[in-house]
């Protein structure tokens, strides 16, 4: 009968000692950290890693009516915005459209003026900024400021000019088309604050602010027209000057923000501006997308 080798118990003892030494080392090794899912973007409309430009187009209108006259604009717009950070947006809009101006005034105590003028292709440029102050789940609160001014040629077409003298109205439309010069300027400044309540793809917005509206017509005559006015015993400087409608008032902007697929957005906004002895309102629709 063969005797078992004396080395066999020694081999098993070494084998058990080896695994006993490895067990504490494995226990001391920290378990691998579980990967946490990335935090969801709190603002899905501005996903990370996209271009900072926002392009826009749309239409809007502004109507102003007072006892001294009125003003109407209907525009198409092309806009571009730069969004360098989540809290800052810088924008510029070019508007091209139709403008009409109505003026009711006096040249002395016994002479009344009524003028209606218009222009196709009236252009304005708007620059502004929006700063987000609070962005919490369903609420976004911001402040804004913007300035708009007309530029380029602003010569007006004379549609109707009447002068009331001694109780009778004189239609001088054709005469002033030949001997008068009329140009139009428009300026608007607005600053305020706004809020949007996220309710899904369709979210209500509301802004309130201070607005200054300024629409003016500059009137000039040639020598023949000046002589005709002076023949009635009137000073031409009472007519040949700037006739302006200036108003400083609070403004309110209710709107709806519609989020579309593929980083597109549709904004519908109104404007309500209470004016002493009159009123002003506006409305617009704006489509924008990010490349």
Protein backbone atom coordinates (compact mmCIF):
# COMPACT_ATOMS: atom_id res chain seq x y z
CA UNK A 1 0.00 0.00 0.00
CA UNK A 2 1.39 3.39 -1.04
CA UNK A 3 1.82 5.97 1.71
CA UNK A 4 0.47 9.48 0.98
CA UNK A 5 3.12 12.07 0.36
CA UNK A 6 4.08 14.16 3.33
CA UNK A 7 4.04 17.29 1.06
CA UNK A 8 0.28 17.09 0.39
CA UNK A 9 -0.88 18.51 3.77
CA UNK A 10 1.75 21.21 3.42
CA UNK A 11 0.38 22.15 -0.04
CA UNK A 12 -3.21 22.50 1.23
CA UNK A 13 -2.04 24.59 4.18
CA UNK A 14 -0.21 27.00 1.85
CA UNK A 15 -3.25 27.14 -0.46
CA UNK A 16 -5.61 28.11 2.41
CA UNK A 17 -3.12 30.66 3.80
CA UNK A 18 -2.87 32.36 0.38
CA UNK A 19 -6.64 32.95 0.09
CA UNK A 20 -6.86 34.00 3.73
CA UNK A 21 -4.27 36.72 3.00
CA UNK A 22 -6.18 37.91 -0.09
CA UNK A 23 -9.53 38.22 1.68
CA UNK A 24 -8.65 41.27 3.86
CA UNK A 25 -7.15 43.09 0.85
CA UNK A 26 -10.35 42.60 -1.12
CA UNK A 27 -12.40 43.74 1.86
CA UNK A 28 -10.32 46.91 2.23
CA UNK A 29 -10.85 47.89 -1.43
CA UNK A 30 -13.75 50.39 -1.67
CA UNK A 31 -16.66 49.31 -3.83
CA UNK A 32 -16.85 51.02 -7.22
CA UNK A 33 -18.90 54.19 -7.17
CA UNK A 34 -22.16 53.97 -8.98
CA UNK A 35 -22.51 56.49 -11.75
CA UNK A 36 -25.24 58.97 -11.04
CA UNK A 37 -27.37 60.07 -13.95
CA UNK A 38 -26.61 63.59 -15.13
CA UNK A 39 -28.89 66.26 -13.77
CA UNK A 40 -31.62 67.08 -16.25
CA UNK A 41 -31.32 70.42 -17.93
CA UNK A 42 -33.65 72.74 -16.01
CA UNK A 43 -34.29 74.67 -19.19
CA UNK A 44 -35.00 72.27 -22.07
CA UNK A 45 -35.58 75.16 -24.46
CA UNK A 46 -31.88 76.07 -24.21
CA UNK A 47 -30.05 72.76 -24.48
CA UNK A 48 -26.35 72.69 -23.75
CA UNK A 49 -23.83 72.88 -26.55
CA UNK A 50 -25.91 74.69 -29.17
CA UNK A 51 -25.15 77.83 -31.12
CA UNK A 52 -25.52 81.13 -29.18
CA UNK A 53 -27.41 82.78 -32.06
CA UNK A 54 -31.19 83.02 -32.25
CA UNK A 55 -32.82 84.07 -35.53
CA UNK A 56 -36.33 85.52 -35.76
CA UNK A 57 -38.93 86.88 -38.14
CA UNK A 58 -42.48 88.12 -37.69
CA UNK A 59 -45.05 90.87 -38.08
CA UNK A 60 -46.33 93.50 -35.65
CA UNK A 61 -48.34 96.71 -35.51
CA UNK A 62 -48.69 99.79 -33.32
CA UNK A 63 -51.66 102.17 -33.19
CA UNK A 64 -51.72 105.49 -31.29
CA UNK A 65 -54.80 107.72 -31.12
CA UNK A 66 -55.11 111.04 -29.26
CA UNK A 67 -57.05 114.27 -29.60
CA UNK A 68 -54.02 115.81 -31.33
CA UNK A 69 -53.80 113.09 -33.96
CA UNK A 70 -52.63 109.54 -34.34
CA UNK A 71 -50.08 107.18 -35.67
CA UNK A 72 -50.25 103.71 -37.21
CA UNK A 73 -47.45 101.26 -38.05
CA UNK A 74 -47.59 97.82 -39.65
CA UNK A 75 -44.24 96.05 -40.00
CA UNK A 76 -42.43 92.90 -40.93
CA UNK A 77 -39.32 92.22 -38.88
CA UNK A 78 -36.05 90.33 -39.10
CA UNK A 79 -34.17 89.81 -35.86
CA UNK A 80 -31.01 88.30 -34.49
CA UNK A 81 -30.13 87.64 -30.86
CA UNK A 82 -26.93 86.59 -29.13
CA UNK A 83 -27.31 84.45 -26.00
CA UNK A 84 -23.81 84.14 -24.51
CA UNK A 85 -25.10 82.80 -21.18
CA UNK A 86 -28.37 81.43 -19.84
CA UNK A 87 -29.18 84.71 -18.09
CA UNK A 88 -28.35 87.25 -20.84
CA UNK A 89 -29.86 87.91 -24.27
CA UNK A 90 -28.81 90.75 -26.60
CA UNK A 91 -31.05 91.40 -29.59
CA UNK A 92 -31.40 93.59 -32.67
CA UNK A 93 -34.52 93.84 -34.86
CA UNK A 94 -34.93 95.48 -38.26
CA UNK A 95 -38.50 96.51 -39.08
CA UNK A 96 -39.73 97.52 -42.53
CA UNK A 97 -43.32 98.49 -43.20
CA UNK A 98 -46.05 101.07 -43.56
CA UNK A 99 -46.46 104.18 -41.39
CA UNK A 100 -49.33 106.69 -41.33
CA UNK A 101 -49.47 109.93 -39.37
CA UNK A 102 -52.49 112.11 -38.58
CA UNK A 103 -52.15 115.54 -37.03
CA UNK A 104 -54.73 117.99 -35.68
CA UNK A 105 -53.41 121.34 -34.50
CA UNK A 106 -53.63 125.10 -34.69
CA UNK A 107 -51.67 127.90 -36.31
CA UNK A 108 -52.82 130.77 -34.16
CA UNK A 109 -56.21 131.23 -32.57
CA UNK A 110 -58.30 131.16 -35.74
CA UNK A 111 -56.49 128.67 -38.00
CA UNK A 112 -56.80 124.89 -37.62
CA UNK A 113 -54.65 122.28 -39.30
CA UNK A 114 -55.53 118.75 -40.30
CA UNK A 115 -52.96 116.60 -42.03
CA UNK A 116 -52.79 112.97 -43.12
CA UNK A 117 -49.50 111.59 -44.40
CA UNK A 118 -48.06 108.13 -44.95
CA UNK A 119 -44.98 106.25 -46.04
CA UNK A 120 -44.31 102.80 -47.47
CA UNK A 121 -40.97 101.25 -46.66
CA UNK A 122 -40.53 102.98 -43.32
CA UNK A 123 -37.56 101.39 -41.48
CA UNK A 124 -36.66 101.25 -37.80
CA UNK A 125 -33.89 99.54 -35.85
CA UNK A 126 -34.41 98.16 -32.33
CA UNK A 127 -31.63 97.17 -29.94
CA UNK A 128 -32.20 95.74 -26.50
CA UNK A 129 -31.21 93.35 -23.75
CA UNK A 130 -32.98 90.90 -21.43
CA UNK A 131 -31.47 89.72 -18.15
CA UNK A 132 -32.93 86.71 -16.35
CA UNK A 133 -33.03 87.24 -12.58
CA UNK A 134 -34.79 84.08 -11.37
CA UNK A 135 -35.14 80.70 -13.06
CA UNK A 136 -36.91 78.23 -10.81
CA UNK A 137 -38.72 75.18 -12.16
CA UNK A 138 -41.86 76.71 -13.69
CA UNK A 139 -41.13 80.41 -13.15
CA UNK A 140 -38.79 82.70 -15.06
CA UNK A 141 -38.47 86.36 -14.09
CA UNK A 142 -36.48 88.89 -16.11
CA UNK A 143 -35.86 92.60 -16.69
CA UNK A 144 -35.55 94.17 -20.12
CA UNK A 145 -34.77 97.38 -21.93
CA UNK A 146 -34.92 98.37 -25.59
CA UNK A 147 -34.62 101.40 -27.83
CA UNK A 148 -36.12 101.82 -31.30
CA UNK A 149 -35.45 104.60 -33.80
CA UNK A 150 -36.24 105.24 -37.46
CA UNK A 151 -33.46 105.67 -40.00
CA UNK A 152 -32.96 106.13 -43.71
CA UNK A 153 -35.21 108.27 -45.89
CA UNK A 154 -38.41 109.24 -44.05
CA UNK A 155 -40.07 111.46 -46.67
CA UNK A 156 -43.86 111.29 -46.36
CA UNK A 157 -46.53 111.21 -49.02
CA UNK A 158 -49.24 113.83 -48.52
CA UNK A 159 -52.67 112.16 -48.44
CA UNK A 160 -54.79 115.02 -47.15
CA UNK A 161 -54.14 118.53 -45.82
CA UNK A 162 -56.89 120.93 -44.84
CA UNK A 163 -56.67 124.35 -43.21
CA UNK A 164 -59.63 125.79 -41.39
CA UNK A 165 -59.83 129.56 -41.67
CA UNK A 166 -62.76 131.74 -40.54
CA UNK A 167 -65.08 128.76 -40.33
CA UNK A 168 -64.29 127.32 -43.77
CA UNK A 169 -61.98 124.43 -44.74
CA UNK A 170 -59.50 124.83 -47.56
CA UNK A 171 -58.25 121.62 -49.21
CA UNK A 172 -54.59 122.30 -49.94
CA UNK A 173 -53.49 118.70 -50.50
CA UNK A 174 -52.25 119.12 -54.06
CA UNK A 175 -50.66 122.49 -53.30
CA UNK A 176 -48.56 121.11 -50.44
CA UNK A 177 -47.56 118.07 -52.46
CA UNK A 178 -45.86 120.47 -54.85
CA UNK A 179 -44.55 123.09 -52.44
CA UNK A 180 -44.10 121.27 -49.13
CA UNK A 181 -41.56 118.88 -47.63
CA UNK A 182 -42.63 116.41 -44.98
CA UNK A 183 -40.49 113.87 -43.13
CA UNK A 184 -41.27 111.47 -40.34
CA UNK A 185 -39.32 110.24 -37.30
CA UNK A 186 -40.22 107.58 -34.75
CA UNK A 187 -38.56 106.78 -31.44
CA UNK A 188 -39.53 104.41 -28.68
CA UNK A 189 -37.88 103.52 -25.39
CA UNK A 190 -39.13 100.80 -23.07
CA UNK A 191 -37.81 99.30 -19.82
CA UNK A 192 -39.51 96.96 -17.41
CA UNK A 193 -39.84 93.47 -16.03
CA UNK A 194 -41.62 90.29 -17.10
CA UNK A 195 -42.53 86.80 -15.97
CA UNK A 196 -43.32 83.50 -17.67
CA UNK A 197 -45.10 80.56 -16.05
CA UNK A 198 -44.04 77.26 -17.61
CA UNK A 199 -47.14 75.16 -18.26
CA UNK A 200 -45.77 72.90 -20.98
CA UNK A 201 -45.46 73.78 -24.61
CA UNK A 202 -47.86 76.74 -24.26
CA UNK A 203 -46.90 79.17 -21.48
CA UNK A 204 -48.44 82.55 -20.55
CA UNK A 205 -46.21 85.61 -20.23
CA UNK A 206 -46.80 89.08 -18.83
CA UNK A 207 -44.57 92.15 -18.77
CA UNK A 208 -45.03 95.64 -17.40
CA UNK A 209 -42.80 98.65 -17.86
CA UNK A 210 -42.29 102.30 -18.67
CA UNK A 211 -42.60 103.35 -22.30
CA UNK A 212 -41.87 106.57 -24.13
CA UNK A 213 -43.48 106.96 -27.54
CA UNK A 214 -42.40 109.76 -29.83
CA UNK A 215 -43.73 110.28 -33.37
CA UNK A 216 -42.99 113.53 -35.19
CA UNK A 217 -43.49 115.13 -38.60
CA UNK A 218 -41.12 117.85 -39.78
CA UNK A 219 -42.80 120.36 -42.12
CA UNK A 220 -40.98 122.60 -44.56
CA UNK A 221 -42.08 124.92 -47.42
CA UNK A 222 -40.54 126.54 -50.44
CA UNK A 223 -40.60 130.31 -50.99
CA UNK A 224 -43.88 130.28 -52.90
CA UNK A 225 -45.70 128.46 -50.10
CA UNK A 226 -44.25 130.80 -47.48
CA UNK A 227 -45.45 133.81 -49.47
CA UNK A 228 -48.96 132.32 -49.76
CA UNK A 229 -49.17 131.72 -46.00
CA UNK A 230 -47.91 135.20 -45.22
CA UNK A 231 -50.58 136.61 -47.56
CA UNK A 232 -53.15 135.36 -45.05
CA UNK A 233 -51.33 137.30 -42.35
CA UNK A 234 -49.84 134.23 -40.70
CA UNK A 235 -46.33 133.49 -39.57
CA UNK A 236 -44.97 130.44 -41.40
CA UNK A 237 -43.02 129.36 -38.32
CA UNK A 238 -46.30 128.27 -36.70
CA UNK A 239 -46.65 125.61 -39.41
CA UNK A 240 -43.10 125.13 -40.70
CA UNK A 241 -41.78 123.25 -37.69
CA UNK A 242 -41.81 119.84 -35.99
CA UNK A 243 -45.26 118.53 -35.05
CA UNK A 244 -44.80 115.79 -32.45
CA UNK A 245 -46.81 113.32 -30.42
CA UNK A 246 -44.82 112.49 -27.27
CA UNK A 247 -46.11 110.31 -24.45
CA UNK A 248 -44.51 108.85 -21.32
CA UNK A 249 -46.63 106.17 -19.75
CA UNK A 250 -46.84 102.70 -18.27
CA UNK A 251 -47.17 99.82 -20.70
CA UNK A 252 -48.50 96.27 -20.38
CA UNK A 253 -47.56 93.28 -22.55
CA UNK A 254 -49.68 90.12 -22.20
CA UNK A 255 -48.58 87.21 -24.34
CA UNK A 256 -48.34 83.49 -25.06
CA UNK A 257 -45.12 81.59 -25.63
CA UNK A 258 -45.45 78.40 -27.71
CA UNK A 259 -42.51 75.99 -27.77
CA UNK A 260 -42.22 74.08 -31.05
CA UNK A 261 -40.06 71.08 -32.00
CA UNK A 262 -36.48 71.45 -33.24
CA UNK A 263 -35.59 74.46 -31.04
CA UNK A 264 -38.29 76.63 -32.59
CA UNK A 265 -40.60 79.03 -30.79
CA UNK A 266 -43.70 81.08 -31.58
CA UNK A 267 -44.46 84.18 -29.51
CA UNK A 268 -47.74 86.11 -29.61
CA UNK A 269 -47.71 89.36 -27.67
CA UNK A 270 -49.99 92.34 -27.23
CA UNK A 271 -49.26 95.87 -26.05
CA UNK A 272 -51.63 98.09 -24.05
CA UNK A 273 -50.52 101.65 -23.30
CA UNK A 274 -52.94 104.03 -21.56
CA UNK A 275 -52.36 107.60 -22.78
CA UNK A 276 -53.93 110.81 -21.47
CA UNK A 277 -56.72 111.85 -23.83
CA UNK A 278 -56.21 108.79 -25.98
CA UNK A 279 -55.00 105.24 -26.19
CA UNK A 280 -52.35 103.08 -27.80
CA UNK A 281 -52.15 99.37 -28.44
CA UNK A 282 -50.18 96.92 -30.48
CA UNK A 283 -49.91 93.24 -31.33
CA UNK A 284 -47.32 91.02 -32.91
CA UNK A 285 -46.35 87.47 -33.72
CA UNK A 286 -42.73 86.33 -33.76
CA UNK A 287 -41.19 83.07 -34.95
CA UNK A 288 -37.67 82.23 -33.79
CA UNK A 289 -35.27 79.28 -33.92
CA UNK A 290 -31.74 78.42 -32.86
CA UNK A 291 -29.33 76.85 -35.37
